[in-house]
Amino acid sequence: MIFVSDKAKEKVNALMAQANVAADGSYFLRVSVVGGGCSGLSYKMDFDNEAQPNDQVFEDNGLKVVTDLKSFLYLVNTTLDFSDGLNGKGFYFSNPNASRTCGCGESFAV
């Protein structure tokens, strides 16, 4: 399962509205893990409306989240959150599978 906080849900919905895809019920949030970043792996998020054969589909807090099977192995029980505080603004992942993260929190290692 991939979890979504209230703040992350609000921000994703706002961004979907800005991208003019909120009214189209076929769009969802695609989350994946890609190679790169100072710790070796990075998170990637996009809006998508085309499911792939091995996609894992979740719905939490009223938001549909989709990830490919390989990424899901790194994202099990991860929570997507959003911060707008003084220490930084943006999405971040609380990933219990990460053994270390970089200083900016955008990459991780397992």
PDB file of N, CA and C in Angstrom:
ATOM      1  N   MET A   1       0.843  -1.188   0.000  1.00  0.00           N
ATOM      2  CA  MET A   1       0.000   0.000   0.000  1.00  0.00           C
ATOM      3  C   MET A   1       0.881   1.241   0.000  1.00  0.00           C
ATOM      4  N   ILE A   2       0.436   2.254  -0.694  1.00  0.00           N
ATOM      5  CA  ILE A   2       1.050   3.581  -0.649  1.00  0.00           C
ATOM      6  C   ILE A   2       0.012   4.517  -0.045  1.00  0.00           C
ATOM      7  N   PHE A   3       0.414   5.259   0.962  1.00  0.00           N
ATOM      8  CA  PHE A   3      -0.496   6.127   1.692  1.00  0.00           C
ATOM      9  C   PHE A   3      -0.314   7.575   1.273  1.00  0.00           C
ATOM     10  N   VAL A   4      -1.379   8.368   1.435  1.00  0.00           N
ATOM     11  CA  VAL A   4      -1.370   9.785   1.048  1.00  0.00           C
ATOM     12  C   VAL A   4      -1.891  10.605   2.215  1.00  0.00           C
ATOM     13  N   SER A   5      -1.104  11.591   2.656  1.00  0.00           N
ATOM     14  CA  SER A   5      -1.538  12.463   3.753  1.00  0.00           C
ATOM     15  C   SER A   5      -2.583  13.459   3.244  1.00  0.00           C
ATOM     16  N   ASP A   6      -3.272  14.104   4.167  1.00  0.00           N
ATOM     17  CA  ASP A   6      -4.264  15.119   3.797  1.00  0.00           C
ATOM     18  C   ASP A   6      -3.634  16.268   3.022  1.00  0.00           C
ATOM     19  N   LYS A   7      -2.471  16.744   3.488  1.00  0.00           N
ATOM     20  CA  LYS A   7      -1.800  17.859   2.799  1.00  0.00           C
ATOM     21  C   LYS A   7      -1.363  17.480   1.392  1.00  0.00           C
ATOM     22  N   ALA A   8      -0.844  16.257   1.235  1.00  0.00           N
ATOM     23  CA  ALA A   8      -0.429  15.808  -0.094  1.00  0.00           C
ATOM     24  C   ALA A   8      -1.627  15.696  -1.020  1.00  0.00           C
ATOM     25  N   LYS A   9      -2.733  15.180  -0.501  1.00  0.00           N
ATOM     26  CA  LYS A   9      -3.948  15.055  -1.317  1.00  0.00           C
ATOM     27  C   LYS A   9      -4.414  16.427  -1.798  1.00  0.00           C
ATOM     28  N   GLU A  10      -4.441  17.401  -0.899  1.00  0.00           N
ATOM     29  CA  GLU A  10      -4.867  18.762  -1.275  1.00  0.00           C
ATOM     30  C   GLU A  10      -3.973  19.328  -2.370  1.00  0.00           C
ATOM     31  N   LYS A  11      -2.653  19.159  -2.225  1.00  0.00           N
ATOM     32  CA  LYS A  11      -1.717  19.716  -3.203  1.00  0.00           C
ATOM     33  C   LYS A  11      -1.818  18.990  -4.543  1.00  0.00           C
ATOM     34  N   VAL A  12      -1.949  17.663  -4.523  1.00  0.00           N
ATOM     35  CA  VAL A  12      -2.093  16.909  -5.775  1.00  0.00           C
ATOM     36  C   VAL A  12      -3.361  17.343  -6.496  1.00  0.00           C
ATOM     37  N   ASN A  13      -4.461  17.482  -5.762  1.00  0.00           N
ATOM     38  CA  ASN A  13      -5.715  17.918  -6.383  1.00  0.00           C
ATOM     39  C   ASN A  13      -5.580  19.316  -6.981  1.00  0.00           C
ATOM     40  N   ALA A  14      -4.880  20.207  -6.296  1.00  0.00           N
ATOM     41  CA  ALA A  14      -4.668  21.560  -6.817  1.00  0.00           C
ATOM     42  C   ALA A  14      -3.820  21.525  -8.087  1.00  0.00           C
ATOM     43  N   LEU A  15      -2.784  20.704  -8.096  1.00  0.00           N
ATOM     44  CA  LEU A  15      -1.925  20.595  -9.281  1.00  0.00           C
ATOM     45  C   LEU A  15      -2.659  19.953 -10.451  1.00  0.00           C
ATOM     46  N   MET A  16      -3.533  18.992 -10.159  1.00  0.00           N
ATOM     47  CA  MET A  16      -4.329  18.386 -11.229  1.00  0.00           C
ATOM     48  C   MET A  16      -5.277  19.419 -11.838  1.00  0.00           C
ATOM     49  N   ALA A  17      -5.827  20.284 -11.000  1.00  0.00           N
ATOM     50  CA  ALA A  17      -6.706  21.343 -11.505  1.00  0.00           C
ATOM     51  C   ALA A  17      -5.916  22.315 -12.382  1.00  0.00           C
ATOM     52  N   GLN A  18      -4.704  22.678 -11.953  1.00  0.00           N
ATOM     53  CA  GLN A  18      -3.860  23.581 -12.742  1.00  0.00           C
ATOM     54  C   GLN A  18      -3.481  22.961 -14.084  1.00  0.00           C
ATOM     55  N   ALA A  19      -3.307  21.657 -14.112  1.00  0.00           N
ATOM     56  CA  ALA A  19      -2.938  20.952 -15.342  1.00  0.00           C
ATOM     57  C   ALA A  19      -4.153  20.611 -16.198  1.00  0.00           C
ATOM     58  N   ASN A  20      -5.327  21.030 -15.750  1.00  0.00           N
ATOM     59  CA  ASN A  20      -6.584  20.791 -16.468  1.00  0.00           C
ATOM     60  C   ASN A  20      -6.890  19.303 -16.667  1.00  0.00           C
ATOM     61  N   VAL A  21      -6.533  18.478 -15.686  1.00  0.00           N
ATOM     62  CA  VAL A  21      -6.849  17.056 -15.775  1.00  0.00           C
ATOM     63  C   VAL A  21      -7.751  16.605 -14.623  1.00  0.00           C
ATOM     64  N   ALA A  22      -8.088  17.519 -13.723  1.00  0.00           N
ATOM     65  CA  ALA A  22      -8.890  17.151 -12.550  1.00  0.00           C
ATOM     66  C   ALA A  22     -10.292  16.684 -12.937  1.00  0.00           C
ATOM     67  N   ALA A  23     -10.870  17.290 -13.962  1.00  0.00           N
ATOM     68  CA  ALA A  23     -12.236  16.945 -14.360  1.00  0.00           C
ATOM     69  C   ALA A  23     -12.310  15.603 -15.092  1.00  0.00           C
ATOM     70  N   ASP A  24     -11.174  15.156 -15.610  1.00  0.00           N
ATOM     71  CA  ASP A  24     -11.120  13.894 -16.339  1.00  0.00           C
ATOM     72  C   ASP A  24     -10.833  12.773 -15.344  1.00  0.00           C
ATOM     73  N   GLY A  25     -11.818  11.971 -15.037  1.00  0.00           N
ATOM     74  CA  GLY A  25     -11.703  10.921 -14.040  1.00  0.00           C
ATOM     75  C   GLY A  25     -10.731   9.807 -14.378  1.00  0.00           C
ATOM     76  N   SER A  26     -10.183   9.817 -15.588  1.00  0.00           N
ATOM     77  CA  SER A  26      -9.253   8.755 -15.966  1.00  0.00           C
ATOM     78  C   SER A  26      -7.823   9.030 -15.487  1.00  0.00           C
ATOM     79  N   TYR A  27      -7.546  10.242 -15.008  1.00  0.00           N
ATOM     80  CA  TYR A  27      -6.192  10.584 -14.568  1.00  0.00           C
ATOM     81  C   TYR A  27      -5.952  10.159 -13.134  1.00  0.00           C
ATOM     82  N   PHE A  28      -4.701   9.792 -12.862  1.00  0.00           N
ATOM     83  CA  PHE A  28      -4.282   9.377 -11.534  1.00  0.00           C
ATOM     84  C   PHE A  28      -2.848   9.836 -11.307  1.00  0.00           C
ATOM     85  N   LEU A  29      -2.388   9.680 -10.085  1.00  0.00           N
ATOM     86  CA  LEU A  29      -1.012  10.021  -9.735  1.00  0.00           C
ATOM     87  C   LEU A  29      -0.151   8.778  -9.911  1.00  0.00           C
ATOM     88  N   ARG A  30       0.860   8.892 -10.761  1.00  0.00           N
ATOM     89  CA  ARG A  30       1.810   7.784 -10.951  1.00  0.00           C
ATOM     90  C   ARG A  30       3.067   8.110 -10.157  1.00  0.00           C
ATOM     91  N   VAL A  31       3.447   7.187  -9.293  1.00  0.00           N
ATOM     92  CA  VAL A  31       4.650   7.330  -8.473  1.00  0.00           C
ATOM     93  C   VAL A  31       5.605   6.214  -8.873  1.00  0.00           C
ATOM     94  N   SER A  32       6.870   6.560  -9.066  1.00  0.00           N
ATOM     95  CA  SER A  32       7.838   5.534  -9.430  1.00  0.00           C
ATOM     96  C   SER A  32       9.186   5.836  -8.792  1.00  0.00           C
ATOM     97  N   VAL A  33      10.058   4.847  -8.866  1.00  0.00           N
ATOM     98  CA  VAL A  33      11.425   4.971  -8.376  1.00  0.00           C
ATOM     99  C   VAL A  33      12.339   4.817  -9.574  1.00  0.00           C
ATOM    100  N   VAL A  34      13.272   5.754  -9.718  1.00  0.00           N
ATOM    101  CA  VAL A  34      14.225   5.722 -10.830  1.00  0.00           C
ATOM    102  C   VAL A  34      15.638   5.817 -10.275  1.00  0.00           C
ATOM    103  N   GLY A  35      16.594   5.335 -11.026  1.00  0.00           N
ATOM    104  CA  GLY A  35      17.985   5.445 -10.625  1.00  0.00           C
ATOM    105  C   GLY A  35      18.446   6.884 -10.709  1.00  0.00           C
ATOM    106  N   GLY A  36      19.266   7.298  -9.751  1.00  0.00           N
ATOM    107  CA  GLY A  36      19.814   8.649  -9.774  1.00  0.00           C
ATOM    108  C   GLY A  36      19.777   9.283  -8.400  1.00  0.00           C
ATOM    109  N   GLY A  37      20.251  10.499  -8.339  1.00  0.00           N
ATOM    110  CA  GLY A  37      20.315  11.200  -7.071  1.00  0.00           C
ATOM    111  C   GLY A  37      21.567  10.815  -6.313  1.00  0.00           C
ATOM    112  N   CYS A  38      21.878  11.555  -5.277  1.00  0.00           N
ATOM    113  CA  CYS A  38      23.126  11.322  -4.548  1.00  0.00           C
ATOM    114  C   CYS A  38      23.094  10.061  -3.697  1.00  0.00           C
ATOM    115  N   SER A  39      21.919   9.501  -3.432  1.00  0.00           N
ATOM    116  CA  SER A  39      21.842   8.261  -2.652  1.00  0.00           C
ATOM    117  C   SER A  39      21.578   7.036  -3.516  1.00  0.00           C
ATOM    118  N   GLY A  40      21.378   7.210  -4.805  1.00  0.00           N
ATOM    119  CA  GLY A  40      21.233   6.074  -5.710  1.00  0.00           C
ATOM    120  C   GLY A  40      19.871   5.903  -6.347  1.00  0.00           C
ATOM    121  N   LEU A  41      18.796   6.221  -5.622  1.00  0.00           N
ATOM    122  CA  LEU A  41      17.444   6.091  -6.150  1.00  0.00           C
ATOM    123  C   LEU A  41      16.674   7.376  -5.884  1.00  0.00           C
ATOM    124  N   SER A  42      15.802   7.740  -6.823  1.00  0.00           N
ATOM    125  CA  SER A  42      14.999   8.951  -6.681  1.00  0.00           C
ATOM    126  C   SER A  42      13.530   8.645  -6.931  1.00  0.00           C
ATOM    127  N   TYR A  43      12.680   9.470  -6.347  1.00  0.00           N
ATOM    128  CA  TYR A  43      11.242   9.348  -6.554  1.00  0.00           C
ATOM    129  C   TYR A  43      10.841  10.177  -7.764  1.00  0.00           C
ATOM    130  N   LYS A  44       9.828   9.701  -8.467  1.00  0.00           N
ATOM    131  CA  LYS A  44       9.295  10.434  -9.618  1.00  0.00           C
ATOM    132  C   LYS A  44       7.779  10.405  -9.527  1.00  0.00           C
ATOM    133  N   MET A  45       7.139  11.549  -9.798  1.00  0.00           N
ATOM    134  CA  MET A  45       5.684  11.645  -9.778  1.00  0.00           C
ATOM    135  C   MET A  45       5.203  12.326 -11.045  1.00  0.00           C
ATOM    136  N   ASP A  46       4.123  11.797 -11.621  1.00  0.00           N
ATOM    137  CA  ASP A  46       3.517  12.348 -12.829  1.00  0.00           C
ATOM    138  C   ASP A  46       2.015  12.113 -12.769  1.00  0.00           C
ATOM    139  N   PHE A  47       1.282  12.849 -13.592  1.00  0.00           N
ATOM    140  CA  PHE A  47      -0.120  12.532 -13.820  1.00  0.00           C
ATOM    141  C   PHE A  47      -0.168  11.653 -15.060  1.00  0.00           C
ATOM    142  N   ASP A  48      -1.007  10.646 -15.015  1.00  0.00           N
ATOM    143  CA  ASP A  48      -1.083   9.690 -16.113  1.00  0.00           C
ATOM    144  C   ASP A  48      -2.533   9.245 -16.253  1.00  0.00           C
ATOM    145  N   ASN A  49      -2.881   8.735 -17.419  1.00  0.00           N
ATOM    146  CA  ASN A  49      -4.223   8.182 -17.609  1.00  0.00           C
ATOM    147  C   ASN A  49      -4.183   6.854 -18.365  1.00  0.00           C
ATOM    148  N   GLU A  50      -2.984   6.259 -18.444  1.00  0.00           N
ATOM    149  CA  GLU A  50      -2.842   4.981 -19.123  1.00  0.00           C
ATOM    150  C   GLU A  50      -2.197   3.969 -18.186  1.00  0.00           C
ATOM    151  N   ALA A  51      -2.960   2.972 -17.800  1.00  0.00           N
ATOM    152  CA  ALA A  51      -2.440   1.919 -16.939  1.00  0.00           C
ATOM    153  C   ALA A  51      -1.574   0.960 -17.751  1.00  0.00           C
ATOM    154  N   GLN A  52      -0.569   0.408 -17.114  1.00  0.00           N
ATOM    155  CA  GLN A  52       0.317  -0.568 -17.727  1.00  0.00           C
ATOM    156  C   GLN A  52       0.006  -1.959 -17.159  1.00  0.00           C
ATOM    157  N   PRO A  53       0.380  -3.026 -17.861  1.00  0.00           N
ATOM    158  CA  PRO A  53      -0.009  -4.375 -17.446  1.00  0.00           C
ATOM    159  C   PRO A  53       0.386  -4.763 -16.019  1.00  0.00           C
ATOM    160  N   ASN A  54       1.566  -4.370 -15.553  1.00  0.00           N
ATOM    161  CA  ASN A  54       2.018  -4.777 -14.219  1.00  0.00           C
ATOM    162  C   ASN A  54       1.852  -3.693 -13.162  1.00  0.00           C
ATOM    163  N   ASP A  55       0.996  -2.726 -13.413  1.00  0.00           N
ATOM    164  CA  ASP A  55       0.788  -1.648 -12.452  1.00  0.00           C
ATOM    165  C   ASP A  55       0.118  -2.152 -11.179  1.00  0.00           C
ATOM    166  N   GLN A  56       0.517  -1.557 -10.084  1.00  0.00           N
ATOM    167  CA  GLN A  56      -0.122  -1.776  -8.787  1.00  0.00           C
ATOM    168  C   GLN A  56      -0.971  -0.536  -8.522  1.00  0.00           C
ATOM    169  N   VAL A  57      -2.244  -0.723  -8.242  1.00  0.00           N
ATOM    170  CA  VAL A  57      -3.181   0.388  -8.104  1.00  0.00           C
ATOM    171  C   VAL A  57      -3.672   0.448  -6.666  1.00  0.00           C
ATOM    172  N   PHE A  58      -3.619   1.657  -6.093  1.00  0.00           N
ATOM    173  CA  PHE A  58      -4.056   1.876  -4.718  1.00  0.00           C
ATOM    174  C   PHE A  58      -4.939   3.106  -4.676  1.00  0.00           C
ATOM    175  N   GLU A  59      -5.800   3.151  -3.692  1.00  0.00           N
ATOM    176  CA  GLU A  59      -6.552   4.372  -3.431  1.00  0.00           C
ATOM    177  C   GLU A  59      -6.484   4.625  -1.940  1.00  0.00           C
ATOM    178  N   ASP A  60      -5.965   5.793  -1.584  1.00  0.00           N
ATOM    179  CA  ASP A  60      -5.891   6.183  -0.190  1.00  0.00           C
ATOM    180  C   ASP A  60      -6.305   7.640  -0.071  1.00  0.00           C
ATOM    181  N   ASN A  61      -7.113   7.914   0.915  1.00  0.00           N
ATOM    182  CA  ASN A  61      -7.540   9.280   1.192  1.00  0.00           C
ATOM    183  C   ASN A  61      -8.235   9.899  -0.024  1.00  0.00           C
ATOM    184  N   GLY A  62      -8.902   9.058  -0.808  1.00  0.00           N
ATOM    185  CA  GLY A  62      -9.642   9.543  -1.970  1.00  0.00           C
ATOM    186  C   GLY A  62      -8.795   9.824  -3.194  1.00  0.00           C
ATOM    187  N   LEU A  63      -7.516   9.433  -3.166  1.00  0.00           N
ATOM    188  CA  LEU A  63      -6.616   9.693  -4.290  1.00  0.00           C
ATOM    189  C   LEU A  63      -6.123   8.366  -4.864  1.00  0.00           C
ATOM    190  N   LYS A  64      -6.237   8.222  -6.176  1.00  0.00           N
ATOM    191  CA  LYS A  64      -5.771   7.011  -6.852  1.00  0.00           C
ATOM    192  C   LYS A  64      -4.282   7.161  -7.143  1.00  0.00           C
ATOM    193  N   VAL A  65      -3.508   6.195  -6.651  1.00  0.00           N
ATOM    194  CA  VAL A  65      -2.057   6.183  -6.824  1.00  0.00           C
ATOM    195  C   VAL A  65      -1.685   4.893  -7.534  1.00  0.00           C
ATOM    196  N   VAL A  66      -0.865   5.005  -8.580  1.00  0.00           N
ATOM    197  CA  VAL A  66      -0.464   3.853  -9.380  1.00  0.00           C
ATOM    198  C   VAL A  66       1.062   3.823  -9.435  1.00  0.00           C
ATOM    199  N   THR A  67       1.615   2.617  -9.348  1.00  0.00           N
ATOM    200  CA  THR A  67       3.057   2.445  -9.475  1.00  0.00           C
ATOM    201  C   THR A  67       3.341   1.144 -10.221  1.00  0.00           C
ATOM    202  N   ASP A  68       4.476   1.083 -10.868  1.00  0.00           N
ATOM    203  CA  ASP A  68       4.862  -0.159 -11.537  1.00  0.00           C
ATOM    204  C   ASP A  68       5.344  -1.152 -10.482  1.00  0.00           C
ATOM    205  N   LEU A  69       5.363  -2.410 -10.821  1.00  0.00           N
ATOM    206  CA  LEU A  69       5.690  -3.469  -9.871  1.00  0.00           C
ATOM    207  C   LEU A  69       7.094  -3.313  -9.294  1.00  0.00           C
ATOM    208  N   LYS A  70       8.065  -2.977 -10.131  1.00  0.00           N
ATOM    209  CA  LYS A  70       9.448  -2.824  -9.658  1.00  0.00           C
ATOM    210  C   LYS A  70       9.545  -1.694  -8.635  1.00  0.00           C
ATOM    211  N   SER A  71       8.913  -0.560  -8.919  1.00  0.00           N
ATOM    212  CA  SER A  71       8.936   0.567  -7.980  1.00  0.00           C
ATOM    213  C   SER A  71       8.215   0.219  -6.687  1.00  0.00           C
ATOM    214  N   PHE A  72       7.143  -0.551  -6.805  1.00  0.00           N
ATOM    215  CA  PHE A  72       6.361  -0.898  -5.620  1.00  0.00           C
ATOM    216  C   PHE A  72       7.207  -1.631  -4.582  1.00  0.00           C
ATOM    217  N   LEU A  73       8.164  -2.438  -5.037  1.00  0.00           N
ATOM    218  CA  LEU A  73       9.029  -3.153  -4.106  1.00  0.00           C
ATOM    219  C   LEU A  73       9.796  -2.189  -3.204  1.00  0.00           C
ATOM    220  N   TYR A  74      10.088  -0.995  -3.699  1.00  0.00           N
ATOM    221  CA  TYR A  74      10.778   0.031  -2.905  1.00  0.00           C
ATOM    222  C   TYR A  74       9.798   0.913  -2.114  1.00  0.00           C
ATOM    223  N   LEU A  75       8.534   0.923  -2.520  1.00  0.00           N
ATOM    224  CA  LEU A  75       7.564   1.873  -1.967  1.00  0.00           C
ATOM    225  C   LEU A  75       6.548   1.263  -1.003  1.00  0.00           C
ATOM    226  N   VAL A  76       6.649  -0.007  -0.688  1.00  0.00           N
ATOM    227  CA  VAL A  76       5.680  -0.659   0.199  1.00  0.00           C
ATOM    228  C   VAL A  76       5.579   0.117   1.515  1.00  0.00           C
ATOM    229  N   ASN A  77       4.350   0.475   1.888  1.00  0.00           N
ATOM    230  CA  ASN A  77       4.042   1.188   3.134  1.00  0.00           C
ATOM    231  C   ASN A  77       4.640   2.600   3.223  1.00  0.00           C
ATOM    232  N   THR A  78       4.931   3.197   2.088  1.00  0.00           N
ATOM    233  CA  THR A  78       5.435   4.564   2.039  1.00  0.00           C
ATOM    234  C   THR A  78       4.267   5.547   2.096  1.00  0.00           C
ATOM    235  N   THR A  79       4.489   6.683   2.743  1.00  0.00           N
ATOM    236  CA  THR A  79       3.487   7.741   2.813  1.00  0.00           C
ATOM    237  C   THR A  79       3.971   8.952   2.036  1.00  0.00           C
ATOM    238  N   LEU A  80       3.141   9.425   1.119  1.00  0.00           N
ATOM    239  CA  LEU A  80       3.411  10.662   0.396  1.00  0.00           C
ATOM    240  C   LEU A  80       2.863  11.802   1.232  1.00  0.00           C
ATOM    241  N   ASP A  81       3.696  12.814   1.482  1.00  0.00           N
ATOM    242  CA  ASP A  81       3.276  13.959   2.285  1.00  0.00           C
ATOM    243  C   ASP A  81       3.715  15.239   1.581  1.00  0.00           C
ATOM    244  N   PHE A  82       3.242  16.366   2.103  1.00  0.00           N
ATOM    245  CA  PHE A  82       3.587  17.663   1.534  1.00  0.00           C
ATOM    246  C   PHE A  82       3.878  18.621   2.669  1.00  0.00           C
ATOM    247  N   SER A  83       4.942  19.390   2.519  1.00  0.00           N
ATOM    248  CA  SER A  83       5.318  20.383   3.524  1.00  0.00           C
ATOM    249  C   SER A  83       5.363  21.756   2.885  1.00  0.00           C
ATOM    250  N   ASP A  84       4.813  22.727   3.569  1.00  0.00           N
ATOM    251  CA  ASP A  84       4.920  24.110   3.098  1.00  0.00           C
ATOM    252  C   ASP A  84       5.530  24.982   4.187  1.00  0.00           C
ATOM    253  N   GLY A  85       6.345  24.372   5.026  1.00  0.00           N
ATOM    254  CA  GLY A  85       6.969  25.075   6.147  1.00  0.00           C
ATOM    255  C   GLY A  85       8.226  25.822   5.744  1.00  0.00           C
ATOM    256  N   LEU A  86       8.847  26.436   6.732  1.00  0.00           N
ATOM    257  CA  LEU A  86      10.045  27.236   6.502  1.00  0.00           C
ATOM    258  C   LEU A  86      11.264  26.395   6.123  1.00  0.00           C
ATOM    259  N   ASN A  87      11.265  25.135   6.508  1.00  0.00           N
ATOM    260  CA  ASN A  87      12.410  24.271   6.214  1.00  0.00           C
ATOM    261  C   ASN A  87      12.389  23.688   4.811  1.00  0.00           C
ATOM    262  N   GLY A  88      11.431  24.045   4.035  1.00  0.00           N
ATOM    263  CA  GLY A  88      11.358  23.537   2.674  1.00  0.00           C
ATOM    264  C   GLY A  88       9.926  23.288   2.272  1.00  0.00           C
ATOM    265  N   LYS A  89       9.664  23.487   1.010  1.00  0.00           N
ATOM    266  CA  LYS A  89       8.321  23.325   0.487  1.00  0.00           C
ATOM    267  C   LYS A  89       8.350  22.261  -0.590  1.00  0.00           C
ATOM    268  N   GLY A  90       7.410  21.330  -0.499  1.00  0.00           N
ATOM    269  CA  GLY A  90       7.316  20.332  -1.540  1.00  0.00           C
ATOM    270  C   GLY A  90       6.862  18.987  -1.022  1.00  0.00           C
ATOM    271  N   PHE A  91       6.759  18.057  -1.951  1.00  0.00           N
ATOM    272  CA  PHE A  91       6.379  16.693  -1.614  1.00  0.00           C
ATOM    273  C   PHE A  91       7.577  15.971  -1.022  1.00  0.00           C
ATOM    274  N   TYR A  92       7.302  15.068  -0.106  1.00  0.00           N
ATOM    275  CA  TYR A  92       8.340  14.191   0.396  1.00  0.00           C
ATOM    276  C   TYR A  92       7.725  12.843   0.734  1.00  0.00           C
ATOM    277  N   PHE A  93       8.567  11.828   0.768  1.00  0.00           N
ATOM    278  CA  PHE A  93       8.131  10.463   1.004  1.00  0.00           C
ATOM    279  C   PHE A  93       8.669   9.991   2.343  1.00  0.00           C
ATOM    280  N   SER A  94       7.796   9.461   3.180  1.00  0.00           N
ATOM    281  CA  SER A  94       8.212   8.792   4.415  1.00  0.00           C
ATOM    282  C   SER A  94       8.265   7.306   4.076  1.00  0.00           C
ATOM    283  N   ASN A  95       9.469   6.851   3.775  1.00  0.00           N
ATOM    284  CA  ASN A  95       9.656   5.498   3.265  1.00  0.00           C
ATOM    285  C   ASN A  95      10.344   4.633   4.311  1.00  0.00           C
ATOM    286  N   PRO A  96       9.617   3.677   4.909  1.00  0.00           N
ATOM    287  CA  PRO A  96      10.229   2.818   5.921  1.00  0.00           C
ATOM    288  C   PRO A  96      11.257   1.845   5.345  1.00  0.00           C
ATOM    289  N   ASN A  97      11.319   1.708   4.031  1.00  0.00           N
ATOM    290  CA  ASN A  97      12.256   0.799   3.379  1.00  0.00           C
ATOM    291  C   ASN A  97      13.615   1.433   3.113  1.00  0.00           C
ATOM    292  N   ALA A  98      13.711   2.754   3.225  1.00  0.00           N
ATOM    293  CA  ALA A  98      14.953   3.456   2.920  1.00  0.00           C
ATOM    294  C   ALA A  98      15.940   3.302   4.078  1.00  0.00           C
ATOM    295  N   SER A  99      17.142   2.855   3.767  1.00  0.00           N
ATOM    296  CA  SER A  99      18.169   2.729   4.797  1.00  0.00           C
ATOM    297  C   SER A  99      18.881   4.057   5.025  1.00  0.00           C
ATOM    298  N   ARG A 100      18.888   4.904   4.004  1.00  0.00           N
ATOM    299  CA  ARG A 100      19.444   6.256   4.143  1.00  0.00           C
ATOM    300  C   ARG A 100      18.837   7.151   3.082  1.00  0.00           C
ATOM    301  N   THR A 101      18.823   8.447   3.358  1.00  0.00           N
ATOM    302  CA  THR A 101      18.331   9.435   2.409  1.00  0.00           C
ATOM    303  C   THR A 101      19.357  10.549   2.294  1.00  0.00           C
ATOM    304  N   CYS A 102      19.264  11.307   1.226  1.00  0.00           N
ATOM    305  CA  CYS A 102      20.184  12.435   1.060  1.00  0.00           C
ATOM    306  C   CYS A 102      19.680  13.615   1.890  1.00  0.00           C
ATOM    307  N   GLY A 103      20.469  14.657   1.964  1.00  0.00           N
ATOM    308  CA  GLY A 103      20.120  15.823   2.759  1.00  0.00           C
ATOM    309  C   GLY A 103      18.851  16.515   2.294  1.00  0.00           C
ATOM    310  N   CYS A 104      18.594  16.524   1.000  1.00  0.00           N
ATOM    311  CA  CYS A 104      17.399  17.198   0.477  1.00  0.00           C
ATOM    312  C   CYS A 104      16.175  16.298   0.522  1.00  0.00           C
ATOM    313  N   GLY A 105      16.360  14.994   0.777  1.00  0.00           N
ATOM    314  CA  GLY A 105      15.241  14.069   0.879  1.00  0.00           C
ATOM    315  C   GLY A 105      14.667  13.600  -0.440  1.00  0.00           C
ATOM    316  N   GLU A 106      15.326  13.923  -1.547  1.00  0.00           N
ATOM    317  CA  GLU A 106      14.799  13.543  -2.853  1.00  0.00           C
ATOM    318  C   GLU A 106      15.357  12.227  -3.374  1.00  0.00           C
ATOM    319  N   SER A 107      16.376  11.692  -2.713  1.00  0.00           N
ATOM    320  CA  SER A 107      16.881  10.387  -3.125  1.00  0.00           C
ATOM    321  C   SER A 107      17.105   9.532  -1.894  1.00  0.00           C
ATOM    322  N   PHE A 108      17.225   8.223  -2.130  1.00  0.00           N
ATOM    323  CA  PHE A 108      17.346   7.287  -1.014  1.00  0.00           C
ATOM    324  C   PHE A 108      18.085   6.045  -1.450  1.00  0.00           C
ATOM    325  N   ALA A 109      18.405   5.215  -0.485  1.00  0.00           N
ATOM    326  CA  ALA A 109      19.036   3.914  -0.751  1.00  0.00           C
ATOM    327  C   ALA A 109      18.349   2.884   0.128  1.00  0.00           C
ATOM    328  N   VAL A 110      18.397   1.631  -0.312  1.00  0.00           N
ATOM    329  CA  VAL A 110      17.829   0.534   0.475  1.00  0.00           C
ATOM    330  C   VAL A 110      18.900  -0.475   0.819  1.00  0.00           C
TER     331      VAL A 110
END
